Amino acid sequence: MLRFAHALVELHKRRAHVRDLAEIAEIDGRRSELVNDINDWIIRKMPQHRHGASLHTESLGAVIDRMAHSWVAANQAIEADGVRSDRTHRHWYHLAELVDGYTDLIAEVAGGRRRLPVQ
């Protein structure tokens, strides 16, 4: 899972500096493949409780992709504005919210209270 997340971070870093539409499409295509790989992995590794569990609105891969994007944005804010800026604080706060949501989601899926959408 960490390899997938790291690869998504690297793609988001690269995408932030690319202006060529064909290259952006290539990066987004690779991100989509990684999101699908994460979704396949979670289906194999974590049993899904289908009866009575609420359906989450997005796949785990999509959640991790959003966290990777937020991580890159937060680090770019530090580089551009410094660690004490309001913009940097907002980015890191948003990332912390995503991490909390991810943690809650995993606990709910593992506990059978939530299920993930099938691709």
PDB file of N, CA and C in Angstrom:
ATOM      1  N   MET A   1       0.823  -1.188   0.000  1.00  0.00           N
ATOM      2  CA  MET A   1       0.000   0.000   0.000  1.00  0.00           C
ATOM      3  C   MET A   1       0.876   1.264   0.000  1.00  0.00           C
ATOM      4  N   LEU A   2       1.944   1.236   0.785  1.00  0.00           N
ATOM      5  CA  LEU A   2       2.817   2.415   0.843  1.00  0.00           C
ATOM      6  C   LEU A   2       3.475   2.704  -0.504  1.00  0.00           C
ATOM      7  N   ARG A   3       3.811   1.650  -1.234  1.00  0.00           N
ATOM      8  CA  ARG A   3       4.406   1.858  -2.566  1.00  0.00           C
ATOM      9  C   ARG A   3       3.414   2.548  -3.500  1.00  0.00           C
ATOM     10  N   PHE A   4       2.151   2.118  -3.428  1.00  0.00           N
ATOM     11  CA  PHE A   4       1.128   2.754  -4.258  1.00  0.00           C
ATOM     12  C   PHE A   4       0.986   4.232  -3.883  1.00  0.00           C
ATOM     13  N   ALA A   5       0.900   4.516  -2.591  1.00  0.00           N
ATOM     14  CA  ALA A   5       0.738   5.897  -2.119  1.00  0.00           C
ATOM     15  C   ALA A   5       1.938   6.751  -2.519  1.00  0.00           C
ATOM     16  N   HIS A   6       3.133   6.204  -2.371  1.00  0.00           N
ATOM     17  CA  HIS A   6       4.345   6.941  -2.751  1.00  0.00           C
ATOM     18  C   HIS A   6       4.349   7.231  -4.249  1.00  0.00           C
ATOM     19  N   ALA A   7       3.957   6.256  -5.045  1.00  0.00           N
ATOM     20  CA  ALA A   7       3.909   6.456  -6.496  1.00  0.00           C
ATOM     21  C   ALA A   7       2.893   7.545  -6.847  1.00  0.00           C
ATOM     22  N   LEU A   8       1.761   7.578  -6.148  1.00  0.00           N
ATOM     23  CA  LEU A   8       0.769   8.636  -6.390  1.00  0.00           C
ATOM     24  C   LEU A   8       1.333  10.002  -6.024  1.00  0.00           C
ATOM     25  N   VAL A   9       2.055  10.100  -4.919  1.00  0.00           N
ATOM     26  CA  VAL A   9       2.681  11.369  -4.535  1.00  0.00           C
ATOM     27  C   VAL A   9       3.639  11.822  -5.635  1.00  0.00           C
ATOM     28  N   GLU A  10       4.465  10.921  -6.124  1.00  0.00           N
ATOM     29  CA  GLU A  10       5.427  11.286  -7.170  1.00  0.00           C
ATOM     30  C   GLU A  10       4.715  11.766  -8.432  1.00  0.00           C
ATOM     31  N   LEU A  11       3.617  11.109  -8.790  1.00  0.00           N
ATOM     32  CA  LEU A  11       2.861  11.550  -9.966  1.00  0.00           C
ATOM     33  C   LEU A  11       2.240  12.926  -9.752  1.00  0.00           C
ATOM     34  N   HIS A  12       1.709  13.177  -8.559  1.00  0.00           N
ATOM     35  CA  HIS A  12       1.140  14.502  -8.274  1.00  0.00           C
ATOM     36  C   HIS A  12       2.230  15.578  -8.286  1.00  0.00           C
ATOM     37  N   LYS A  13       3.414  15.261  -7.788  1.00  0.00           N
ATOM     38  CA  LYS A  13       4.525  16.222  -7.845  1.00  0.00           C
ATOM     39  C   LYS A  13       4.850  16.560  -9.293  1.00  0.00           C
ATOM     40  N   ARG A  14       4.949  15.517 -10.104  1.00  0.00           N
ATOM     41  CA  ARG A  14       5.280  15.711 -11.517  1.00  0.00           C
ATOM     42  C   ARG A  14       4.184  16.513 -12.220  1.00  0.00           C
ATOM     43  N   ARG A  15       2.938  16.164 -11.933  1.00  0.00           N
ATOM     44  CA  ARG A  15       1.809  16.823 -12.585  1.00  0.00           C
ATOM     45  C   ARG A  15       1.765  18.314 -12.256  1.00  0.00           C
ATOM     46  N   ALA A  16       2.192  18.682 -11.069  1.00  0.00           N
ATOM     47  CA  ALA A  16       2.157  20.087 -10.650  1.00  0.00           C
ATOM     48  C   ALA A  16       3.056  20.975 -11.511  1.00  0.00           C
ATOM     49  N   HIS A  17       4.030  20.371 -12.176  1.00  0.00           N
ATOM     50  CA  HIS A  17       4.990  21.158 -12.958  1.00  0.00           C
ATOM     51  C   HIS A  17       4.825  20.987 -14.464  1.00  0.00           C
ATOM     52  N   VAL A  18       3.893  20.174 -14.879  1.00  0.00           N
ATOM     53  CA  VAL A  18       3.716  19.867 -16.296  1.00  0.00           C
ATOM     54  C   VAL A  18       2.641  20.766 -16.891  1.00  0.00           C
ATOM     55  N   ARG A  19       2.888  21.247 -18.081  1.00  0.00           N
ATOM     56  CA  ARG A  19       1.899  22.075 -18.781  1.00  0.00           C
ATOM     57  C   ARG A  19       1.416  21.390 -20.063  1.00  0.00           C
ATOM     58  N   ASP A  20       2.126  20.401 -20.535  1.00  0.00           N
ATOM     59  CA  ASP A  20       1.770  19.687 -21.757  1.00  0.00           C
ATOM     60  C   ASP A  20       0.565  18.779 -21.499  1.00  0.00           C
ATOM     61  N   LEU A  21      -0.516  18.994 -22.243  1.00  0.00           N
ATOM     62  CA  LEU A  21      -1.757  18.260 -22.012  1.00  0.00           C
ATOM     63  C   LEU A  21      -1.601  16.753 -22.223  1.00  0.00           C
ATOM     64  N   ALA A  22      -0.783  16.359 -23.185  1.00  0.00           N
ATOM     65  CA  ALA A  22      -0.568  14.925 -23.422  1.00  0.00           C
ATOM     66  C   ALA A  22       0.141  14.290 -22.232  1.00  0.00           C
ATOM     67  N   GLU A  23       1.099  15.000 -21.674  1.00  0.00           N
ATOM     68  CA  GLU A  23       1.816  14.471 -20.510  1.00  0.00           C
ATOM     69  C   GLU A  23       0.908  14.435 -19.279  1.00  0.00           C
ATOM     70  N   ILE A  24       0.056  15.438 -19.124  1.00  0.00           N
ATOM     71  CA  ILE A  24      -0.909  15.438 -18.023  1.00  0.00           C
ATOM     72  C   ILE A  24      -1.842  14.233 -18.150  1.00  0.00           C
ATOM     73  N   ALA A  25      -2.305  13.972 -19.369  1.00  0.00           N
ATOM     74  CA  ALA A  25      -3.188  12.817 -19.597  1.00  0.00           C
ATOM     75  C   ALA A  25      -2.466  11.512 -19.279  1.00  0.00           C
ATOM     76  N   GLU A  26      -1.196  11.426 -19.621  1.00  0.00           N
ATOM     77  CA  GLU A  26      -0.402  10.231 -19.312  1.00  0.00           C
ATOM     78  C   GLU A  26      -0.269  10.049 -17.793  1.00  0.00           C
ATOM     79  N   ILE A  27       0.017  11.127 -17.097  1.00  0.00           N
ATOM     80  CA  ILE A  27       0.129  11.075 -15.639  1.00  0.00           C
ATOM     81  C   ILE A  27      -1.203  10.664 -15.019  1.00  0.00           C
ATOM     82  N   ASP A  28      -2.285  11.274 -15.480  1.00  0.00           N
ATOM     83  CA  ASP A  28      -3.607  10.946 -14.932  1.00  0.00           C
ATOM     84  C   ASP A  28      -3.989   9.503 -15.236  1.00  0.00           C
ATOM     85  N   GLY A  29      -3.590   9.007 -16.389  1.00  0.00           N
ATOM     86  CA  GLY A  29      -3.843   7.605 -16.712  1.00  0.00           C
ATOM     87  C   GLY A  29      -3.104   6.673 -15.761  1.00  0.00           C
ATOM     88  N   ARG A  30      -1.863   7.008 -15.463  1.00  0.00           N
ATOM     89  CA  ARG A  30      -1.090   6.192 -14.516  1.00  0.00           C
ATOM     90  C   ARG A  30      -1.691   6.288 -13.119  1.00  0.00           C
ATOM     91  N   ARG A  31      -2.148   7.467 -12.713  1.00  0.00           N
ATOM     92  CA  ARG A  31      -2.822   7.613 -11.414  1.00  0.00           C
ATOM     93  C   ARG A  31      -4.046   6.719 -11.353  1.00  0.00           C
ATOM     94  N   SER A  32      -4.822   6.700 -12.422  1.00  0.00           N
ATOM     95  CA  SER A  32      -6.013   5.857 -12.480  1.00  0.00           C
ATOM     96  C   SER A  32      -5.647   4.377 -12.325  1.00  0.00           C
ATOM     97  N   GLU A  33      -4.572   3.965 -12.970  1.00  0.00           N
ATOM     98  CA  GLU A  33      -4.110   2.576 -12.828  1.00  0.00           C
ATOM     99  C   GLU A  33      -3.741   2.267 -11.380  1.00  0.00           C
ATOM    100  N   LEU A  34      -3.059   3.192 -10.729  1.00  0.00           N
ATOM    101  CA  LEU A  34      -2.668   2.980  -9.334  1.00  0.00           C
ATOM    102  C   LEU A  34      -3.882   2.946  -8.410  1.00  0.00           C
ATOM    103  N   VAL A  35      -4.858   3.816  -8.670  1.00  0.00           N
ATOM    104  CA  VAL A  35      -6.099   3.796  -7.883  1.00  0.00           C
ATOM    105  C   VAL A  35      -6.762   2.434  -8.021  1.00  0.00           C
ATOM    106  N   ASN A  36      -6.824   1.913  -9.232  1.00  0.00           N
ATOM    107  CA  ASN A  36      -7.403   0.584  -9.452  1.00  0.00           C
ATOM    108  C   ASN A  36      -6.584  -0.503  -8.756  1.00  0.00           C
ATOM    109  N   ASP A  37      -5.260  -0.375  -8.781  1.00  0.00           N
ATOM    110  CA  ASP A  37      -4.402  -1.352  -8.085  1.00  0.00           C
ATOM    111  C   ASP A  37      -4.681  -1.344  -6.584  1.00  0.00           C
ATOM    112  N   ILE A  38      -4.859  -0.164  -6.014  1.00  0.00           N
ATOM    113  CA  ILE A  38      -5.189  -0.056  -4.587  1.00  0.00           C
ATOM    114  C   ILE A  38      -6.542  -0.705  -4.322  1.00  0.00           C
ATOM    115  N   ASN A  39      -7.505  -0.415  -5.164  1.00  0.00           N
ATOM    116  CA  ASN A  39      -8.837  -0.990  -4.981  1.00  0.00           C
ATOM    117  C   ASN A  39      -8.804  -2.518  -5.079  1.00  0.00           C
ATOM    118  N   ASP A  40      -8.043  -3.032  -6.020  1.00  0.00           N
ATOM    119  CA  ASP A  40      -7.902  -4.492  -6.146  1.00  0.00           C
ATOM    120  C   ASP A  40      -7.238  -5.075  -4.903  1.00  0.00           C
ATOM    121  N   TRP A  41      -6.211  -4.390  -4.409  1.00  0.00           N
ATOM    122  CA  TRP A  41      -5.480  -4.867  -3.232  1.00  0.00           C
ATOM    123  C   TRP A  41      -6.396  -4.930  -2.015  1.00  0.00           C
ATOM    124  N   ILE A  42      -7.173  -3.879  -1.812  1.00  0.00           N
ATOM    125  CA  ILE A  42      -8.029  -3.836  -0.622  1.00  0.00           C
ATOM    126  C   ILE A  42      -9.113  -4.906  -0.694  1.00  0.00           C
ATOM    127  N   ILE A  43      -9.612  -5.194  -1.878  1.00  0.00           N
ATOM    128  CA  ILE A  43     -10.611  -6.255  -2.032  1.00  0.00           C
ATOM    129  C   ILE A  43     -10.017  -7.601  -1.633  1.00  0.00           C
ATOM    130  N   ARG A  44      -8.764  -7.835  -2.001  1.00  0.00           N
ATOM    131  CA  ARG A  44      -8.097  -9.105  -1.656  1.00  0.00           C
ATOM    132  C   ARG A  44      -7.735  -9.187  -0.178  1.00  0.00           C
ATOM    133  N   LYS A  45      -7.367  -8.083   0.436  1.00  0.00           N
ATOM    134  CA  LYS A  45      -6.811  -8.107   1.793  1.00  0.00           C
ATOM    135  C   LYS A  45      -7.815  -7.864   2.907  1.00  0.00           C
ATOM    136  N   MET A  46      -8.890  -7.173   2.605  1.00  0.00           N
ATOM    137  CA  MET A  46      -9.836  -6.832   3.671  1.00  0.00           C
ATOM    138  C   MET A  46     -11.237  -7.294   3.282  1.00  0.00           C
ATOM    139  N   PRO A  47     -11.790  -8.194   4.056  1.00  0.00           N
ATOM    140  CA  PRO A  47     -13.145  -8.657   3.723  1.00  0.00           C
ATOM    141  C   PRO A  47     -14.159  -7.523   3.821  1.00  0.00           C
ATOM    142  N   GLN A  48     -15.090  -7.529   2.880  1.00  0.00           N
ATOM    143  CA  GLN A  48     -16.135  -6.512   2.845  1.00  0.00           C
ATOM    144  C   GLN A  48     -17.412  -7.112   3.413  1.00  0.00           C
ATOM    145  N   HIS A  49     -17.985  -6.461   4.374  1.00  0.00           N
ATOM    146  CA  HIS A  49     -19.255  -6.882   4.953  1.00  0.00           C
ATOM    147  C   HIS A  49     -20.362  -6.190   4.168  1.00  0.00           C
ATOM    148  N   ARG A  50     -21.074  -6.944   3.384  1.00  0.00           N
ATOM    149  CA  ARG A  50     -22.073  -6.365   2.476  1.00  0.00           C
ATOM    150  C   ARG A  50     -23.435  -6.155   3.132  1.00  0.00           C
ATOM    151  N   HIS A  51     -23.778  -6.932   4.128  1.00  0.00           N
ATOM    152  CA  HIS A  51     -25.124  -6.860   4.704  1.00  0.00           C
ATOM    153  C   HIS A  51     -25.163  -5.860   5.852  1.00  0.00           C
ATOM    154  N   GLY A  52     -25.931  -4.798   5.656  1.00  0.00           N
ATOM    155  CA  GLY A  52     -26.123  -3.808   6.700  1.00  0.00           C
ATOM    156  C   GLY A  52     -25.039  -2.750   6.780  1.00  0.00           C
ATOM    157  N   ALA A  53     -23.988  -2.863   5.986  1.00  0.00           N
ATOM    158  CA  ALA A  53     -22.912  -1.867   6.012  1.00  0.00           C
ATOM    159  C   ALA A  53     -23.234  -0.740   5.036  1.00  0.00           C
ATOM    160  N   SER A  54     -23.052   0.480   5.473  1.00  0.00           N
ATOM    161  CA  SER A  54     -23.281   1.640   4.608  1.00  0.00           C
ATOM    162  C   SER A  54     -22.219   1.701   3.528  1.00  0.00           C
ATOM    163  N   LEU A  55     -22.622   2.117   2.347  1.00  0.00           N
ATOM    164  CA  LEU A  55     -21.696   2.243   1.229  1.00  0.00           C
ATOM    165  C   LEU A  55     -20.975   3.585   1.298  1.00  0.00           C
ATOM    166  N   HIS A  56     -19.649   3.549   1.250  1.00  0.00           N
ATOM    167  CA  HIS A  56     -18.862   4.776   1.211  1.00  0.00           C
ATOM    168  C   HIS A  56     -18.975   5.375  -0.191  1.00  0.00           C
ATOM    169  N   THR A  57     -18.797   6.674  -0.309  1.00  0.00           N
ATOM    170  CA  THR A  57     -19.028   7.361  -1.580  1.00  0.00           C
ATOM    171  C   THR A  57     -17.912   7.196  -2.598  1.00  0.00           C
ATOM    172  N   GLU A  58     -16.707   6.841  -2.151  1.00  0.00           N
ATOM    173  CA  GLU A  58     -15.609   6.677  -3.100  1.00  0.00           C
ATOM    174  C   GLU A  58     -14.736   5.504  -2.692  1.00  0.00           C
ATOM    175  N   SER A  59     -13.958   5.036  -3.636  1.00  0.00           N
ATOM    176  CA  SER A  59     -13.087   3.890  -3.379  1.00  0.00           C
ATOM    177  C   SER A  59     -11.905   4.293  -2.496  1.00  0.00           C
ATOM    178  N   LEU A  60     -11.280   3.301  -1.909  1.00  0.00           N
ATOM    179  CA  LEU A  60     -10.100   3.575  -1.090  1.00  0.00           C
ATOM    180  C   LEU A  60      -8.980   4.162  -1.948  1.00  0.00           C
ATOM    181  N   GLY A  61      -8.843   3.676  -3.164  1.00  0.00           N
ATOM    182  CA  GLY A  61      -7.831   4.225  -4.061  1.00  0.00           C
ATOM    183  C   GLY A  61      -8.036   5.708  -4.311  1.00  0.00           C
ATOM    184  N   ALA A  62      -9.286   6.116  -4.493  1.00  0.00           N
ATOM    185  CA  ALA A  62      -9.585   7.536  -4.707  1.00  0.00           C
ATOM    186  C   ALA A  62      -9.261   8.352  -3.463  1.00  0.00           C
ATOM    187  N   VAL A  63      -9.536   7.801  -2.289  1.00  0.00           N
ATOM    188  CA  VAL A  63      -9.214   8.488  -1.031  1.00  0.00           C
ATOM    189  C   VAL A  63      -7.707   8.695  -0.924  1.00  0.00           C
ATOM    190  N   ILE A  64      -6.944   7.663  -1.213  1.00  0.00           N
ATOM    191  CA  ILE A  64      -5.483   7.754  -1.108  1.00  0.00           C
ATOM    192  C   ILE A  64      -4.933   8.704  -2.165  1.00  0.00           C
ATOM    193  N   ASP A  65      -5.520   8.723  -3.349  1.00  0.00           N
ATOM    194  CA  ASP A  65      -5.096   9.662  -4.379  1.00  0.00           C
ATOM    195  C   ASP A  65      -5.325  11.104  -3.916  1.00  0.00           C
ATOM    196  N   ARG A  66      -6.461  11.374  -3.275  1.00  0.00           N
ATOM    197  CA  ARG A  66      -6.719  12.723  -2.747  1.00  0.00           C
ATOM    198  C   ARG A  66      -5.722  13.076  -1.655  1.00  0.00           C
ATOM    199  N   MET A  67      -5.381  12.103  -0.800  1.00  0.00           N
ATOM    200  CA  MET A  67      -4.395  12.368   0.252  1.00  0.00           C
ATOM    201  C   MET A  67      -3.029  12.667  -0.366  1.00  0.00           C
ATOM    202  N   ALA A  68      -2.655  11.941  -1.414  1.00  0.00           N
ATOM    203  CA  ALA A  68      -1.373  12.185  -2.089  1.00  0.00           C
ATOM    204  C   ALA A  68      -1.344  13.592  -2.683  1.00  0.00           C
ATOM    205  N   HIS A  69      -2.437  13.989  -3.316  1.00  0.00           N
ATOM    206  CA  HIS A  69      -2.518  15.338  -3.884  1.00  0.00           C
ATOM    207  C   HIS A  69      -2.392  16.394  -2.785  1.00  0.00           C
ATOM    208  N   SER A  70      -3.083  16.168  -1.672  1.00  0.00           N
ATOM    209  CA  SER A  70      -3.045  17.118  -0.560  1.00  0.00           C
ATOM    210  C   SER A  70      -1.649  17.197   0.054  1.00  0.00           C
ATOM    211  N   TRP A  71      -0.966  16.067   0.143  1.00  0.00           N
ATOM    212  CA  TRP A  71       0.407  16.032   0.665  1.00  0.00           C
ATOM    213  C   TRP A  71       1.321  16.907  -0.191  1.00  0.00           C
ATOM    214  N   VAL A  72       1.201  16.762  -1.506  1.00  0.00           N
ATOM    215  CA  VAL A  72       2.030  17.552  -2.423  1.00  0.00           C
ATOM    216  C   VAL A  72       1.687  19.036  -2.283  1.00  0.00           C
ATOM    217  N   ALA A  73       0.414  19.370  -2.237  1.00  0.00           N
ATOM    218  CA  ALA A  73       0.007  20.774  -2.106  1.00  0.00           C
ATOM    219  C   ALA A  73       0.512  21.379  -0.797  1.00  0.00           C
ATOM    220  N   ALA A  74       0.459  20.612   0.283  1.00  0.00           N
ATOM    221  CA  ALA A  74       0.927  21.108   1.583  1.00  0.00           C
ATOM    222  C   ALA A  74       2.430  21.374   1.550  1.00  0.00           C
ATOM    223  N   ASN A  75       3.176  20.485   0.943  1.00  0.00           N
ATOM    224  CA  ASN A  75       4.629  20.678   0.854  1.00  0.00           C
ATOM    225  C   ASN A  75       4.984  21.828  -0.077  1.00  0.00           C
ATOM    226  N   GLN A  76       4.226  21.997  -1.150  1.00  0.00           N
ATOM    227  CA  GLN A  76       4.461  23.131  -2.042  1.00  0.00           C
ATOM    228  C   GLN A  76       4.165  24.449  -1.335  1.00  0.00           C
ATOM    229  N   ALA A  77       3.161  24.458  -0.470  1.00  0.00           N
ATOM    230  CA  ALA A  77       2.836  25.678   0.287  1.00  0.00           C
ATOM    231  C   ALA A  77       3.989  26.038   1.222  1.00  0.00           C
ATOM    232  N   ILE A  78       4.587  25.038   1.850  1.00  0.00           N
ATOM    233  CA  ILE A  78       5.740  25.311   2.718  1.00  0.00           C
ATOM    234  C   ILE A  78       6.871  25.923   1.901  1.00  0.00           C
ATOM    235  N   GLU A  79       7.159  25.319   0.743  1.00  0.00           N
ATOM    236  CA  GLU A  79       8.252  25.824  -0.098  1.00  0.00           C
ATOM    237  C   GLU A  79       7.988  27.249  -0.580  1.00  0.00           C
ATOM    238  N   ALA A  80       6.738  27.537  -0.924  1.00  0.00           N
ATOM    239  CA  ALA A  80       6.410  28.852  -1.485  1.00  0.00           C
ATOM    240  C   ALA A  80       6.210  29.923  -0.421  1.00  0.00           C
ATOM    241  N   ASP A  81       5.566  29.555   0.683  1.00  0.00           N
ATOM    242  CA  ASP A  81       5.132  30.562   1.656  1.00  0.00           C
ATOM    243  C   ASP A  81       5.775  30.438   3.035  1.00  0.00           C
ATOM    244  N   GLY A  82       6.489  29.355   3.271  1.00  0.00           N
ATOM    245  CA  GLY A  82       7.087  29.148   4.585  1.00  0.00           C
ATOM    246  C   GLY A  82       6.150  28.407   5.525  1.00  0.00           C
ATOM    247  N   VAL A  83       6.712  27.927   6.609  1.00  0.00           N
ATOM    248  CA  VAL A  83       5.952  27.075   7.529  1.00  0.00           C
ATOM    249  C   VAL A  83       4.914  27.829   8.347  1.00  0.00           C
ATOM    250  N   ARG A  84       5.044  29.132   8.483  1.00  0.00           N
ATOM    251  CA  ARG A  84       4.140  29.884   9.359  1.00  0.00           C
ATOM    252  C   ARG A  84       2.992  30.579   8.625  1.00  0.00           C
ATOM    253  N   SER A  85       2.895  30.407   7.321  1.00  0.00           N
ATOM    254  CA  SER A  85       1.855  31.132   6.576  1.00  0.00           C
ATOM    255  C   SER A  85       0.477  30.510   6.795  1.00  0.00           C
ATOM    256  N   ASP A  86      -0.528  31.333   6.641  1.00  0.00           N
ATOM    257  CA  ASP A  86      -1.914  30.857   6.747  1.00  0.00           C
ATOM    258  C   ASP A  86      -2.217  29.832   5.660  1.00  0.00           C
ATOM    259  N   ARG A  87      -1.712  30.055   4.474  1.00  0.00           N
ATOM    260  CA  ARG A  87      -1.938  29.119   3.362  1.00  0.00           C
ATOM    261  C   ARG A  87      -1.353  27.755   3.683  1.00  0.00           C
ATOM    262  N   THR A  88      -0.139  27.745   4.203  1.00  0.00           N
ATOM    263  CA  THR A  88       0.490  26.478   4.585  1.00  0.00           C
ATOM    264  C   THR A  88      -0.328  25.787   5.659  1.00  0.00           C
ATOM    265  N   HIS A  89      -0.773  26.543   6.641  1.00  0.00           N
ATOM    266  CA  HIS A  89      -1.586  25.971   7.724  1.00  0.00           C
ATOM    267  C   HIS A  89      -2.864  25.354   7.166  1.00  0.00           C
ATOM    268  N   ARG A  90      -3.522  26.047   6.247  1.00  0.00           N
ATOM    269  CA  ARG A  90      -4.763  25.523   5.660  1.00  0.00           C
ATOM    270  C   ARG A  90      -4.515  24.203   4.928  1.00  0.00           C
ATOM    271  N   HIS A  91      -3.417  24.144   4.187  1.00  0.00           N
ATOM    272  CA  HIS A  91      -3.099  22.907   3.454  1.00  0.00           C
ATOM    273  C   HIS A  91      -2.822  21.745   4.409  1.00  0.00           C
ATOM    274  N   TRP A  92      -2.059  21.993   5.448  1.00  0.00           N
ATOM    275  CA  TRP A  92      -1.735  20.918   6.390  1.00  0.00           C
ATOM    276  C   TRP A  92      -2.950  20.517   7.212  1.00  0.00           C
ATOM    277  N   TYR A  93      -3.802  21.473   7.518  1.00  0.00           N
ATOM    278  CA  TYR A  93      -5.036  21.156   8.237  1.00  0.00           C
ATOM    279  C   TYR A  93      -5.937  20.271   7.369  1.00  0.00           C
ATOM    280  N   HIS A  94      -6.038  20.625   6.097  1.00  0.00           N
ATOM    281  CA  HIS A  94      -6.839  19.819   5.166  1.00  0.00           C
ATOM    282  C   HIS A  94      -6.278  18.395   5.069  1.00  0.00           C
ATOM    283  N   LEU A  95      -4.973  18.275   4.966  1.00  0.00           N
ATOM    284  CA  LEU A  95      -4.352  16.953   4.921  1.00  0.00           C
ATOM    285  C   LEU A  95      -4.655  16.165   6.194  1.00  0.00           C
ATOM    286  N   ALA A  96      -4.574  16.814   7.333  1.00  0.00           N
ATOM    287  CA  ALA A  96      -4.875  16.135   8.601  1.00  0.00           C
ATOM    288  C   ALA A  96      -6.323  15.646   8.622  1.00  0.00           C
ATOM    289  N   GLU A  97      -7.241  16.442   8.088  1.00  0.00           N
ATOM    290  CA  GLU A  97      -8.639  16.006   8.007  1.00  0.00           C
ATOM    291  C   GLU A  97      -8.786  14.779   7.117  1.00  0.00           C
ATOM    292  N   LEU A  98      -8.080  14.766   6.000  1.00  0.00           N
ATOM    293  CA  LEU A  98      -8.134  13.604   5.114  1.00  0.00           C
ATOM    294  C   LEU A  98      -7.580  12.358   5.792  1.00  0.00           C
ATOM    295  N   VAL A  99      -6.487  12.517   6.511  1.00  0.00           N
ATOM    296  CA  VAL A  99      -5.894  11.383   7.223  1.00  0.00           C
ATOM    297  C   VAL A  99      -6.859  10.863   8.290  1.00  0.00           C
ATOM    298  N   ASP A 100      -7.495  11.757   9.021  1.00  0.00           N
ATOM    299  CA  ASP A 100      -8.492  11.334  10.018  1.00  0.00           C
ATOM    300  C   ASP A 100      -9.645  10.588   9.355  1.00  0.00           C
ATOM    301  N   GLY A 101     -10.116  11.095   8.234  1.00  0.00           N
ATOM    302  CA  GLY A 101     -11.193  10.434   7.513  1.00  0.00           C
ATOM    303  C   GLY A 101     -10.783   9.058   7.015  1.00  0.00           C
ATOM    304  N   TYR A 102      -9.558   8.955   6.528  1.00  0.00           N
ATOM    305  CA  TYR A 102      -9.031   7.661   6.071  1.00  0.00           C
ATOM    306  C   TYR A 102      -8.974   6.669   7.235  1.00  0.00           C
ATOM    307  N   THR A 103      -8.474   7.116   8.366  1.00  0.00           N
ATOM    308  CA  THR A 103      -8.377   6.260   9.548  1.00  0.00           C
ATOM    309  C   THR A 103      -9.757   5.777   9.982  1.00  0.00           C
ATOM    310  N   ASP A 104     -10.712   6.681  10.019  1.00  0.00           N
ATOM    311  CA  ASP A 104     -12.078   6.309  10.377  1.00  0.00           C
ATOM    312  C   ASP A 104     -12.666   5.330   9.364  1.00  0.00           C
ATOM    313  N   LEU A 105     -12.425   5.584   8.082  1.00  0.00           N
ATOM    314  CA  LEU A 105     -12.951   4.711   7.035  1.00  0.00           C
ATOM    315  C   LEU A 105     -12.417   3.292   7.184  1.00  0.00           C
ATOM    316  N   ILE A 106     -11.127   3.156   7.399  1.00  0.00           N
ATOM    317  CA  ILE A 106     -10.531   1.828   7.546  1.00  0.00           C
ATOM    318  C   ILE A 106     -11.119   1.119   8.760  1.00  0.00           C
ATOM    319  N   ALA A 107     -11.278   1.834   9.866  1.00  0.00           N
ATOM    320  CA  ALA A 107     -11.861   1.225  11.069  1.00  0.00           C
ATOM    321  C   ALA A 107     -13.300   0.779  10.809  1.00  0.00           C
ATOM    322  N   GLU A 108     -14.059   1.584  10.084  1.00  0.00           N
ATOM    323  CA  GLU A 108     -15.449   1.244   9.796  1.00  0.00           C
ATOM    324  C   GLU A 108     -15.551   0.057   8.833  1.00  0.00           C
ATOM    325  N   VAL A 109     -14.683   0.009   7.831  1.00  0.00           N
ATOM    326  CA  VAL A 109     -14.683  -1.127   6.900  1.00  0.00           C
ATOM    327  C   VAL A 109     -14.283  -2.398   7.637  1.00  0.00           C
ATOM    328  N   ALA A 110     -13.233  -2.310   8.437  1.00  0.00           N
ATOM    329  CA  ALA A 110     -12.770  -3.487   9.190  1.00  0.00           C
ATOM    330  C   ALA A 110     -13.828  -3.959  10.187  1.00  0.00           C
ATOM    331  N   GLY A 111     -14.596  -3.034  10.735  1.00  0.00           N
ATOM    332  CA  GLY A 111     -15.633  -3.370  11.704  1.00  0.00           C
ATOM    333  C   GLY A 111     -16.969  -3.751  11.084  1.00  0.00           C
ATOM    334  N   GLY A 112     -17.049  -3.726   9.753  1.00  0.00           N
ATOM    335  CA  GLY A 112     -18.274  -4.119   9.080  1.00  0.00           C
ATOM    336  C   GLY A 112     -19.368  -3.066   9.056  1.00  0.00           C
ATOM    337  N   ARG A 113     -19.050  -1.834   9.454  1.00  0.00           N
ATOM    338  CA  ARG A 113     -20.055  -0.775   9.472  1.00  0.00           C
ATOM    339  C   ARG A 113     -20.108   0.003   8.144  1.00  0.00           C
ATOM    340  N   ARG A 114     -19.078  -0.144   7.347  1.00  0.00           N
ATOM    341  CA  ARG A 114     -18.998   0.579   6.077  1.00  0.00           C
ATOM    342  C   ARG A 114     -18.427  -0.375   5.039  1.00  0.00           C
ATOM    343  N   ARG A 115     -18.844  -0.196   3.796  1.00  0.00           N
ATOM    344  CA  ARG A 115     -18.276  -0.978   2.708  1.00  0.00           C
ATOM    345  C   ARG A 115     -17.828  -0.038   1.609  1.00  0.00           C
ATOM    346  N   LEU A 116     -16.908  -0.503   0.823  1.00  0.00           N
ATOM    347  CA  LEU A 116     -16.339   0.306  -0.251  1.00  0.00           C
ATOM    348  C   LEU A 116     -17.024  -0.034  -1.562  1.00  0.00           C
ATOM    349  N   PRO A 117     -17.159   0.959  -2.445  1.00  0.00           N
ATOM    350  CA  PRO A 117     -17.782   0.661  -3.743  1.00  0.00           C
ATOM    351  C   PRO A 117     -16.914  -0.287  -4.558  1.00  0.00           C
ATOM    352  N   VAL A 118     -17.564  -1.129  -5.327  1.00  0.00           N
ATOM    353  CA  VAL A 118     -16.862  -2.017  -6.246  1.00  0.00           C
ATOM    354  C   VAL A 118     -16.558  -1.201  -7.488  1.00  0.00           C
ATOM    355  N   GLN A 119     -15.397  -1.387  -8.023  1.00  0.00           N
ATOM    356  CA  GLN A 119     -14.955  -0.571  -9.163  1.00  0.00           C
ATOM    357  C   GLN A 119     -15.953  -0.579 -10.275  1.00  0.00           C
TER     358      GLN A 119
END
